Protein backbone atom coordinates (compact mmCIF):
# COMPACT_ATOMS: atom_id res chain seq x y z
CA MET A 1 0.00 0.00 0.00
CA GLY A 2 1.26 3.49 -0.79
CA THR A 3 2.75 5.59 1.98
CA LEU A 4 0.16 8.34 1.56
CA LEU A 5 -2.80 5.93 1.61
CA LYS A 6 -1.38 4.16 4.65
CA ALA A 7 -0.95 7.48 6.47
CA GLN A 8 -4.62 8.26 5.75
CA ASP A 9 -5.73 4.74 6.74
CA ARG A 10 -7.23 4.25 3.27
CA HIS A 11 -7.31 1.23 0.93
CA PRO A 12 -6.03 1.18 -2.70
CA TYR A 13 -9.17 -0.37 -4.25
CA ARG A 14 -11.63 0.78 -6.92
CA PRO A 15 -15.34 -0.16 -7.19
CA ALA A 16 -16.45 -2.37 -10.09
CA HIS A 17 -16.85 -0.28 -13.23
CA VAL A 18 -16.98 -0.39 -17.02
CA HIS A 19 -15.15 2.06 -19.29
CA VAL A 20 -17.45 3.55 -21.95
CA LEU A 21 -16.79 5.45 -25.19
CA ALA A 22 -19.97 6.79 -26.83
CA HIS A 23 -19.54 8.11 -30.39
CA LYS A 24 -22.32 9.41 -32.64
CA PRO A 25 -22.02 11.82 -35.57
CA GLY A 26 -23.29 15.29 -34.66
CA PHE A 27 -22.53 14.84 -30.94
CA LYS A 28 -19.40 15.28 -28.82
CA THR A 29 -17.67 12.00 -28.06
CA LEU A 30 -18.15 10.92 -24.45
CA ILE A 31 -15.53 8.87 -22.60
CA ASN A 32 -16.75 7.81 -19.20
CA GLN A 33 -16.95 5.13 -16.53
CA THR A 34 -20.15 3.51 -15.32
CA TYR A 35 -19.97 2.10 -11.81
CA VAL A 36 -21.93 -0.96 -10.72
CA ASP A 37 -24.49 -0.30 -8.00
CA GLU A 38 -24.26 -2.34 -4.80
CA THR A 39 -20.54 -3.09 -5.18
CA ASP A 40 -17.70 -2.73 -2.72
CA TYR A 41 -15.82 0.59 -2.47
CA LEU A 42 -18.53 2.82 -4.03
CA THR A 43 -18.33 5.18 -1.07
CA SER A 44 -14.57 4.90 -0.61
CA ASP A 45 -13.11 4.91 -4.15
CA VAL A 46 -9.38 5.57 -3.90
CA GLN A 47 -9.60 7.91 -6.94
CA PHE A 48 -12.74 9.74 -5.71
CA GLY A 49 -14.27 9.06 -9.17
CA VAL A 50 -17.75 7.90 -8.17
CA THR A 51 -20.67 10.30 -8.44
CA LYS A 52 -24.35 9.41 -8.27
CA ALA A 53 -24.76 10.26 -11.98
CA LEU A 54 -22.17 7.61 -12.96
CA ILE A 55 -23.77 4.66 -11.14
CA GLY A 56 -25.65 2.13 -13.26
CA THR A 57 -27.99 -0.68 -12.26
CA LEU A 58 -26.77 -4.27 -12.52
CA GLU A 59 -29.54 -6.80 -13.10
CA LYS A 60 -29.23 -10.58 -12.94
CA HIS A 61 -31.22 -12.60 -15.50
CA SER A 62 -32.01 -16.28 -15.66
CA ALA A 63 -33.99 -16.34 -18.92
CA PRO A 64 -32.19 -17.21 -22.16
CA HIS A 65 -29.87 -14.47 -23.39
CA PRO A 66 -31.67 -12.48 -26.12
CA THR A 67 -28.86 -12.53 -28.70
CA ASP A 68 -27.50 -16.04 -28.44
CA GLY A 69 -30.39 -17.95 -26.86
CA GLU A 70 -28.03 -19.61 -24.42
CA VAL A 71 -29.68 -20.57 -21.12
CA GLY A 72 -28.01 -19.66 -17.86
CA GLU A 73 -27.51 -16.66 -15.64
CA TRP A 74 -26.32 -13.44 -17.26
CA PHE A 75 -26.18 -9.80 -16.23
CA SER A 76 -27.04 -6.45 -17.79
CA LEU A 77 -25.85 -3.02 -16.69
CA THR A 78 -28.29 -0.16 -17.33
CA HIS A 79 -27.08 3.44 -17.37
CA THR A 80 -28.25 6.52 -19.29
CA LEU A 81 -25.63 8.49 -21.21
CA THR A 82 -26.39 12.06 -22.26
CA LEU A 83 -24.57 13.29 -25.35
CA GLU A 84 -24.02 16.97 -26.08
CA PRO A 85 -24.45 18.28 -29.64
CA GLY A 86 -21.15 19.18 -31.28
CA GLU A 87 -18.21 17.85 -33.25
CA SER A 88 -17.83 14.09 -33.13
CA ARG A 89 -14.15 13.05 -32.88
CA LEU A 90 -12.62 9.77 -31.85
CA PRO A 91 -9.50 10.00 -29.68
CA ILE A 92 -6.13 8.90 -31.05
CA PRO A 93 -4.99 5.72 -29.28
CA PRO A 94 -1.85 6.31 -27.19
CA ILE A 95 -0.38 2.95 -28.27
CA LYS A 96 -0.37 1.93 -31.91
């Protein structure tokens, strides 16, 4: 554990999250994280990145998956993204 975190009696962990890039012509590109509700470390994220607006709802399903018809448990994460009108540009990857 880092010296600073240890001095503050804090952990180095992040809550479960998914990185999202939303791109649509006519709208500004949105790069974001969606956090899973009811997961560890939501209220104590080491990076202070969690806000209420970034928390999605994880739902467990037992019916067949709609795209592949496979039976078994699967999960969906629901979160609303709001795109702002403007120039749509994709970022340049840092590693080629």
